[in-house]
Amino acid sequence: MTLKLENGKATFENTYFAQVKTGTYTVSDNTITVNYTYEKGFDEGADKDYERKTNETETYAIQDEKSIIQQSSGYTFNKE
């Protein structure tokens, strides 16, 4: 899984599930709030690709200058 934050735009990529979500983010103190507005991926149950608009908010905690933690799952993203 990869989370890219650049110039107010966020991209989350999960290669295991062939999923990409994009949106915007804001930073306040040590919290990053991402509002995902678009998602594409592969639906194994339907055996087809999908694209859809979404309205999903995720929050992340900045652990240090090189890593952030997804608050809903505890997964840590490390800066490349």
PDB file of N, CA and C in Angstrom:
ATOM      1  N   MET A   1       0.843  -1.176   0.000  1.00  0.00           N
ATOM      2  CA  MET A   1       0.000   0.000   0.000  1.00  0.00           C
ATOM      3  C   MET A   1       0.886   1.236   0.000  1.00  0.00           C
ATOM      4  N   THR A   2       0.446   2.229  -0.740  1.00  0.00           N
ATOM      5  CA  THR A   2       1.185   3.473  -0.849  1.00  0.00           C
ATOM      6  C   THR A   2       0.228   4.641  -0.694  1.00  0.00           C
ATOM      7  N   LEU A   3       0.641   5.649   0.052  1.00  0.00           N
ATOM      8  CA  LEU A   3      -0.118   6.887   0.189  1.00  0.00           C
ATOM      9  C   LEU A   3       0.784   8.020  -0.252  1.00  0.00           C
ATOM     10  N   LYS A   4       0.356   8.747  -1.293  1.00  0.00           N
ATOM     11  CA  LYS A   4       1.134   9.874  -1.801  1.00  0.00           C
ATOM     12  C   LYS A   4       0.374  11.153  -1.514  1.00  0.00           C
ATOM     13  N   LEU A   5       1.036  12.099  -0.854  1.00  0.00           N
ATOM     14  CA  LEU A   5       0.461  13.404  -0.534  1.00  0.00           C
ATOM     15  C   LEU A   5       1.328  14.468  -1.184  1.00  0.00           C
ATOM     16  N   GLU A   6       0.711  15.251  -2.076  1.00  0.00           N
ATOM     17  CA  GLU A   6       1.497  16.246  -2.788  1.00  0.00           C
ATOM     18  C   GLU A   6       0.613  17.400  -3.238  1.00  0.00           C
ATOM     19  N   ASN A   7       0.976  18.604  -2.834  1.00  0.00           N
ATOM     20  CA  ASN A   7       0.276  19.825  -3.248  1.00  0.00           C
ATOM     21  C   ASN A   7      -1.230  19.751  -3.021  1.00  0.00           C
ATOM     22  N   GLY A   8      -1.653  19.229  -1.883  1.00  0.00           N
ATOM     23  CA  GLY A   8      -3.077  19.179  -1.548  1.00  0.00           C
ATOM     24  C   GLY A   8      -3.838  18.010  -2.148  1.00  0.00           C
ATOM     25  N   LYS A   9      -3.160  17.180  -2.945  1.00  0.00           N
ATOM     26  CA  LYS A   9      -3.806  16.018  -3.568  1.00  0.00           C
ATOM     27  C   LYS A   9      -3.279  14.730  -2.951  1.00  0.00           C
ATOM     28  N   ALA A  10      -4.189  13.789  -2.709  1.00  0.00           N
ATOM     29  CA  ALA A  10      -3.837  12.515  -2.104  1.00  0.00           C
ATOM     30  C   ALA A  10      -4.143  11.378  -3.071  1.00  0.00           C
ATOM     31  N   THR A  11      -3.246  10.386  -3.105  1.00  0.00           N
ATOM     32  CA  THR A  11      -3.454   9.173  -3.891  1.00  0.00           C
ATOM     33  C   THR A  11      -3.107   7.979  -3.022  1.00  0.00           C
ATOM     34  N   PHE A  12      -4.067   7.091  -2.850  1.00  0.00           N
ATOM     35  CA  PHE A  12      -3.874   5.852  -2.100  1.00  0.00           C
ATOM     36  C   PHE A  12      -3.897   4.699  -3.094  1.00  0.00           C
ATOM     37  N   GLU A  13      -2.868   3.853  -3.059  1.00  0.00           N
ATOM     38  CA  GLU A  13      -2.806   2.715  -3.971  1.00  0.00           C
ATOM     39  C   GLU A  13      -2.595   1.436  -3.177  1.00  0.00           C
ATOM     40  N   ASN A  14      -3.476   0.472  -3.414  1.00  0.00           N
ATOM     41  CA  ASN A  14      -3.363  -0.850  -2.813  1.00  0.00           C
ATOM     42  C   ASN A  14      -3.203  -1.845  -3.963  1.00  0.00           C
ATOM     43  N   THR A  15      -1.964  -2.234  -4.230  1.00  0.00           N
ATOM     44  CA  THR A  15      -1.698  -3.100  -5.379  1.00  0.00           C
ATOM     45  C   THR A  15      -2.252  -4.508  -5.183  1.00  0.00           C
ATOM     46  N   TYR A  16      -2.383  -4.963  -3.942  1.00  0.00           N
ATOM     47  CA  TYR A  16      -2.920  -6.303  -3.686  1.00  0.00           C
ATOM     48  C   TYR A  16      -4.358  -6.413  -4.185  1.00  0.00           C
ATOM     49  N   PHE A  17      -5.148  -5.364  -3.959  1.00  0.00           N
ATOM     50  CA  PHE A  17      -6.545  -5.355  -4.401  1.00  0.00           C
ATOM     51  C   PHE A  17      -6.750  -4.572  -5.696  1.00  0.00           C
ATOM     52  N   ALA A  18      -5.671  -4.154  -6.348  1.00  0.00           N
ATOM     53  CA  ALA A  18      -5.738  -3.375  -7.592  1.00  0.00           C
ATOM     54  C   ALA A  18      -6.666  -2.183  -7.422  1.00  0.00           C
ATOM     55  N   GLN A  19      -6.463  -1.433  -6.340  1.00  0.00           N
ATOM     56  CA  GLN A  19      -7.345  -0.320  -5.988  1.00  0.00           C
ATOM     57  C   GLN A  19      -6.554   0.981  -5.919  1.00  0.00           C
ATOM     58  N   VAL A  20      -7.146   2.049  -6.463  1.00  0.00           N
ATOM     59  CA  VAL A  20      -6.579   3.385  -6.371  1.00  0.00           C
ATOM     60  C   VAL A  20      -7.692   4.339  -5.968  1.00  0.00           C
ATOM     61  N   LYS A  21      -7.414   5.161  -4.936  1.00  0.00           N
ATOM     62  CA  LYS A  21      -8.355   6.195  -4.513  1.00  0.00           C
ATOM     63  C   LYS A  21      -7.643   7.533  -4.568  1.00  0.00           C
ATOM     64  N   THR A  22      -8.350   8.573  -5.025  1.00  0.00           N
ATOM     65  CA  THR A  22      -7.760   9.900  -5.083  1.00  0.00           C
ATOM     66  C   THR A  22      -8.686  10.909  -4.425  1.00  0.00           C
ATOM     67  N   GLY A  23      -8.105  12.011  -3.982  1.00  0.00           N
ATOM     68  CA  GLY A  23      -8.876  13.067  -3.352  1.00  0.00           C
ATOM     69  C   GLY A  23      -7.967  14.192  -2.915  1.00  0.00           C
ATOM     70  N   THR A  24      -8.380  14.898  -1.887  1.00  0.00           N
ATOM     71  CA  THR A  24      -7.625  16.027  -1.368  1.00  0.00           C
ATOM     72  C   THR A  24      -7.340  15.805   0.113  1.00  0.00           C
ATOM     73  N   TYR A  25      -6.346  16.555   0.631  1.00  0.00           N
ATOM     74  CA  TYR A  25      -6.016  16.407   2.044  1.00  0.00           C
ATOM     75  C   TYR A  25      -5.725  17.758   2.679  1.00  0.00           C
ATOM     76  N   THR A  26      -5.873  17.790   4.005  1.00  0.00           N
ATOM     77  CA  THR A  26      -5.493  18.948   4.806  1.00  0.00           C
ATOM     78  C   THR A  26      -4.674  18.443   5.991  1.00  0.00           C
ATOM     79  N   VAL A  27      -3.848  19.337   6.535  1.00  0.00           N
ATOM     80  CA  VAL A  27      -3.018  19.002   7.683  1.00  0.00           C
ATOM     81  C   VAL A  27      -3.317  19.992   8.798  1.00  0.00           C
ATOM     82  N   SER A  28      -3.539  19.454  10.008  1.00  0.00           N
ATOM     83  CA  SER A  28      -3.747  20.279  11.191  1.00  0.00           C
ATOM     84  C   SER A  28      -2.998  19.634  12.343  1.00  0.00           C
ATOM     85  N   ASP A  29      -2.039  20.346  12.893  1.00  0.00           N
ATOM     86  CA  ASP A  29      -1.167  19.808  13.940  1.00  0.00           C
ATOM     87  C   ASP A  29      -0.524  18.514  13.446  1.00  0.00           C
ATOM     88  N   ASN A  30      -0.775  17.393  14.109  1.00  0.00           N
ATOM     89  CA  ASN A  30      -0.174  16.131  13.666  1.00  0.00           C
ATOM     90  C   ASN A  30      -1.196  15.206  13.012  1.00  0.00           C
ATOM     91  N   THR A  31      -2.295  15.775  12.506  1.00  0.00           N
ATOM     92  CA  THR A  31      -3.341  14.984  11.865  1.00  0.00           C
ATOM     93  C   THR A  31      -3.491  15.367  10.398  1.00  0.00           C
ATOM     94  N   ILE A  32      -3.544  14.354   9.544  1.00  0.00           N
ATOM     95  CA  ILE A  32      -3.807  14.544   8.120  1.00  0.00           C
ATOM     96  C   ILE A  32      -5.206  13.989   7.864  1.00  0.00           C
ATOM     97  N   THR A  33      -6.068  14.807   7.266  1.00  0.00           N
ATOM     98  CA  THR A  33      -7.422  14.376   6.921  1.00  0.00           C
ATOM     99  C   THR A  33      -7.524  14.317   5.407  1.00  0.00           C
ATOM    100  N   VAL A  34      -7.882  13.136   4.899  1.00  0.00           N
ATOM    101  CA  VAL A  34      -8.004  12.942   3.447  1.00  0.00           C
ATOM    102  C   VAL A  34      -9.464  12.697   3.106  1.00  0.00           C
ATOM    103  N   ASN A  35      -9.960  13.440   2.113  1.00  0.00           N
ATOM    104  CA  ASN A  35     -11.305  13.215   1.593  1.00  0.00           C
ATOM    105  C   ASN A  35     -11.153  12.604   0.201  1.00  0.00           C
ATOM    106  N   TYR A  36     -11.400  11.287   0.125  1.00  0.00           N
ATOM    107  CA  TYR A  36     -11.312  10.587  -1.151  1.00  0.00           C
ATOM    108  C   TYR A  36     -12.603  10.805  -1.935  1.00  0.00           C
ATOM    109  N   THR A  37     -12.460  11.170  -3.225  1.00  0.00           N
ATOM    110  CA  THR A  37     -13.628  11.477  -4.056  1.00  0.00           C
ATOM    111  C   THR A  37     -13.754  10.577  -5.283  1.00  0.00           C
ATOM    112  N   TYR A  38     -12.741   9.749  -5.530  1.00  0.00           N
ATOM    113  CA  TYR A  38     -12.747   8.880  -6.719  1.00  0.00           C
ATOM    114  C   TYR A  38     -12.050   7.574  -6.370  1.00  0.00           C
ATOM    115  N   GLU A  39     -12.568   6.474  -6.894  1.00  0.00           N
ATOM    116  CA  GLU A  39     -11.978   5.164  -6.653  1.00  0.00           C
ATOM    117  C   GLU A  39     -12.087   4.306  -7.908  1.00  0.00           C
ATOM    118  N   LYS A  40     -11.031   3.560  -8.183  1.00  0.00           N
ATOM    119  CA  LYS A  40     -11.087   2.567  -9.258  1.00  0.00           C
ATOM    120  C   LYS A  40     -10.368   1.321  -8.778  1.00  0.00           C
ATOM    121  N   GLY A  41     -10.772   0.183  -9.333  1.00  0.00           N
ATOM    122  CA  GLY A  41     -10.159  -1.062  -8.914  1.00  0.00           C
ATOM    123  C   GLY A  41     -10.741  -2.233  -9.664  1.00  0.00           C
ATOM    124  N   PHE A  42     -10.586  -3.413  -9.068  1.00  0.00           N
ATOM    125  CA  PHE A  42     -11.081  -4.640  -9.671  1.00  0.00           C
ATOM    126  C   PHE A  42     -11.974  -5.343  -8.660  1.00  0.00           C
ATOM    127  N   ASP A  43     -13.180  -5.666  -9.079  1.00  0.00           N
ATOM    128  CA  ASP A  43     -14.147  -6.377  -8.240  1.00  0.00           C
ATOM    129  C   ASP A  43     -14.039  -7.866  -8.558  1.00  0.00           C
ATOM    130  N   GLU A  44     -13.427  -8.623  -7.645  1.00  0.00           N
ATOM    131  CA  GLU A  44     -13.228 -10.055  -7.890  1.00  0.00           C
ATOM    132  C   GLU A  44     -14.549 -10.806  -7.974  1.00  0.00           C
ATOM    133  N   GLY A  45     -15.525 -10.423  -7.164  1.00  0.00           N
ATOM    134  CA  GLY A  45     -16.825 -11.091  -7.178  1.00  0.00           C
ATOM    135  C   GLY A  45     -17.533 -10.958  -8.508  1.00  0.00           C
ATOM    136  N   ALA A  46     -17.452  -9.767  -9.094  1.00  0.00           N
ATOM    137  CA  ALA A  46     -18.086  -9.523 -10.391  1.00  0.00           C
ATOM    138  C   ALA A  46     -17.129  -9.792 -11.549  1.00  0.00           C
ATOM    139  N   ASP A  47     -15.848 -10.007 -11.231  1.00  0.00           N
ATOM    140  CA  ASP A  47     -14.808 -10.264 -12.225  1.00  0.00           C
ATOM    141  C   ASP A  47     -14.729  -9.156 -13.275  1.00  0.00           C
ATOM    142  N   LYS A  48     -14.724  -7.895 -12.785  1.00  0.00           N
ATOM    143  CA  LYS A  48     -14.605  -6.766 -13.712  1.00  0.00           C
ATOM    144  C   LYS A  48     -14.022  -5.552 -13.011  1.00  0.00           C
ATOM    145  N   ASP A  49     -13.465  -4.656 -13.818  1.00  0.00           N
ATOM    146  CA  ASP A  49     -12.952  -3.388 -13.315  1.00  0.00           C
ATOM    147  C   ASP A  49     -14.116  -2.471 -12.966  1.00  0.00           C
ATOM    148  N   TYR A  50     -13.871  -1.540 -12.055  1.00  0.00           N
ATOM    149  CA  TYR A  50     -14.896  -0.550 -11.718  1.00  0.00           C
ATOM    150  C   TYR A  50     -14.251   0.817 -11.503  1.00  0.00           C
ATOM    151  N   GLU A  51     -15.033   1.845 -11.700  1.00  0.00           N
ATOM    152  CA  GLU A  51     -14.673   3.226 -11.399  1.00  0.00           C
ATOM    153  C   GLU A  51     -15.906   3.867 -10.794  1.00  0.00           C
ATOM    154  N   ARG A  52     -15.705   4.668  -9.734  1.00  0.00           N
ATOM    155  CA  ARG A  52     -16.859   5.318  -9.124  1.00  0.00           C
ATOM    156  C   ARG A  52     -16.432   6.542  -8.327  1.00  0.00           C
ATOM    157  N   LYS A  53     -17.375   7.464  -8.211  1.00  0.00           N
ATOM    158  CA  LYS A  53     -17.193   8.596  -7.309  1.00  0.00           C
ATOM    159  C   LYS A  53     -17.464   8.090  -5.903  1.00  0.00           C
ATOM    160  N   THR A  54     -16.739   8.635  -4.951  1.00  0.00           N
ATOM    161  CA  THR A  54     -16.922   8.236  -3.566  1.00  0.00           C
ATOM    162  C   THR A  54     -16.815   9.465  -2.681  1.00  0.00           C
ATOM    163  N   ASN A  55     -17.246   9.359  -1.468  1.00  0.00           N
ATOM    164  CA  ASN A  55     -17.098  10.421  -0.480  1.00  0.00           C
ATOM    165  C   ASN A  55     -16.661   9.755   0.812  1.00  0.00           C
ATOM    166  N   GLU A  56     -15.369   9.528   0.921  1.00  0.00           N
ATOM    167  CA  GLU A  56     -14.808   8.776   2.040  1.00  0.00           C
ATOM    168  C   GLU A  56     -13.735   9.614   2.720  1.00  0.00           C
ATOM    169  N   THR A  57     -13.807   9.717   4.031  1.00  0.00           N
ATOM    170  CA  THR A  57     -12.821  10.484   4.781  1.00  0.00           C
ATOM    171  C   THR A  57     -11.996   9.550   5.643  1.00  0.00           C
ATOM    172  N   GLU A  58     -10.684   9.698   5.572  1.00  0.00           N
ATOM    173  CA  GLU A  58      -9.747   8.933   6.396  1.00  0.00           C
ATOM    174  C   GLU A  58      -8.868   9.919   7.151  1.00  0.00           C
ATOM    175  N   THR A  59      -8.496   9.572   8.367  1.00  0.00           N
ATOM    176  CA  THR A  59      -7.565  10.394   9.128  1.00  0.00           C
ATOM    177  C   THR A  59      -6.292   9.607   9.405  1.00  0.00           C
ATOM    178  N   TYR A  60      -5.207  10.330   9.424  1.00  0.00           N
ATOM    179  CA  TYR A  60      -3.883   9.756   9.634  1.00  0.00           C
ATOM    180  C   TYR A  60      -3.163  10.600  10.685  1.00  0.00           C
ATOM    181  N   ALA A  61      -2.372   9.953  11.515  1.00  0.00           N
ATOM    182  CA  ALA A  61      -1.578  10.649  12.524  1.00  0.00           C
ATOM    183  C   ALA A  61      -0.125  10.685  12.067  1.00  0.00           C
ATOM    184  N   ILE A  62       0.484  11.854  12.169  1.00  0.00           N
ATOM    185  CA  ILE A  62       1.897  11.977  11.824  1.00  0.00           C
ATOM    186  C   ILE A  62       2.699  11.466  13.013  1.00  0.00           C
ATOM    187  N   GLN A  63       3.446  10.382  12.796  1.00  0.00           N
ATOM    188  CA  GLN A  63       4.228   9.773  13.870  1.00  0.00           C
ATOM    189  C   GLN A  63       5.564  10.493  14.020  1.00  0.00           C
ATOM    190  N   ASP A  64       6.224  10.741  12.922  1.00  0.00           N
ATOM    191  CA  ASP A  64       7.462  11.499  12.881  1.00  0.00           C
ATOM    192  C   ASP A  64       7.616  12.001  11.450  1.00  0.00           C
ATOM    193  N   GLU A  65       8.742  12.597  11.116  1.00  0.00           N
ATOM    194  CA  GLU A  65       8.875  13.194   9.781  1.00  0.00           C
ATOM    195  C   GLU A  65       8.912  12.177   8.664  1.00  0.00           C
ATOM    196  N   LYS A  66       9.062  10.888   8.981  1.00  0.00           N
ATOM    197  CA  LYS A  66       9.155   9.872   7.937  1.00  0.00           C
ATOM    198  C   LYS A  66       7.982   8.910   7.898  1.00  0.00           C
ATOM    199  N   SER A  67       7.052   8.969   8.849  1.00  0.00           N
ATOM    200  CA  SER A  67       5.956   8.000   8.824  1.00  0.00           C
ATOM    201  C   SER A  67       4.665   8.571   9.392  1.00  0.00           C
ATOM    202  N   ILE A  68       3.551   8.079   8.831  1.00  0.00           N
ATOM    203  CA  ILE A  68       2.226   8.426   9.326  1.00  0.00           C
ATOM    204  C   ILE A  68       1.444   7.135   9.535  1.00  0.00           C
ATOM    205  N   ILE A  69       0.457   7.198  10.420  1.00  0.00           N
ATOM    206  CA  ILE A  69      -0.334   6.017  10.764  1.00  0.00           C
ATOM    207  C   ILE A  69      -1.781   6.244  10.363  1.00  0.00           C
ATOM    208  N   GLN A  70      -2.358   5.291   9.641  1.00  0.00           N
ATOM    209  CA  GLN A  70      -3.773   5.339   9.288  1.00  0.00           C
ATOM    210  C   GLN A  70      -4.561   5.021  10.552  1.00  0.00           C
ATOM    211  N   GLN A  71      -5.380   5.954  11.011  1.00  0.00           N
ATOM    212  CA  GLN A  71      -6.013   5.792  12.302  1.00  0.00           C
ATOM    213  C   GLN A  71      -7.066   4.687  12.326  1.00  0.00           C
ATOM    214  N   SER A  72      -7.709   4.387  11.198  1.00  0.00           N
ATOM    215  CA  SER A  72      -8.736   3.361  11.204  1.00  0.00           C
ATOM    216  C   SER A  72      -8.168   1.943  11.269  1.00  0.00           C
ATOM    217  N   SER A  73      -6.972   1.738  10.710  1.00  0.00           N
ATOM    218  CA  SER A  73      -6.410   0.382  10.669  1.00  0.00           C
ATOM    219  C   SER A  73      -5.115   0.210  11.440  1.00  0.00           C
ATOM    220  N   GLY A  74      -4.443   1.316  11.745  1.00  0.00           N
ATOM    221  CA  GLY A  74      -3.157   1.229  12.412  1.00  0.00           C
ATOM    222  C   GLY A  74      -2.008   0.984  11.469  1.00  0.00           C
ATOM    223  N   TYR A  75      -2.263   0.909  10.151  1.00  0.00           N
ATOM    224  CA  TYR A  75      -1.211   0.676   9.173  1.00  0.00           C
ATOM    225  C   TYR A  75      -0.282   1.897   9.108  1.00  0.00           C
ATOM    226  N   THR A  76       1.018   1.675   9.053  1.00  0.00           N
ATOM    227  CA  THR A  76       2.006   2.754   8.987  1.00  0.00           C
ATOM    228  C   THR A  76       2.503   2.927   7.565  1.00  0.00           C
ATOM    229  N   PHE A  77       2.474   4.160   7.073  1.00  0.00           N
ATOM    230  CA  PHE A  77       3.031   4.513   5.769  1.00  0.00           C
ATOM    231  C   PHE A  77       4.353   5.215   6.007  1.00  0.00           C
ATOM    232  N   ASN A  78       5.411   4.757   5.363  1.00  0.00           N
ATOM    233  CA  ASN A  78       6.728   5.344   5.507  1.00  0.00           C
ATOM    234  C   ASN A  78       7.101   6.148   4.282  1.00  0.00           C
ATOM    235  N   LYS A  79       7.704   7.295   4.513  1.00  0.00           N
ATOM    236  CA  LYS A  79       8.133   8.177   3.422  1.00  0.00           C
ATOM    237  C   LYS A  79       9.219   7.490   2.607  1.00  0.00           C
ATOM    238  N   GLU A  80       9.070   7.591   1.301  1.00  0.00           N
ATOM    239  CA  GLU A  80      10.070   6.985   0.401  1.00  0.00           C
ATOM    240  C   GLU A  80      11.245   7.894   0.228  1.00  0.00           C
TER     241      GLU A  80
END
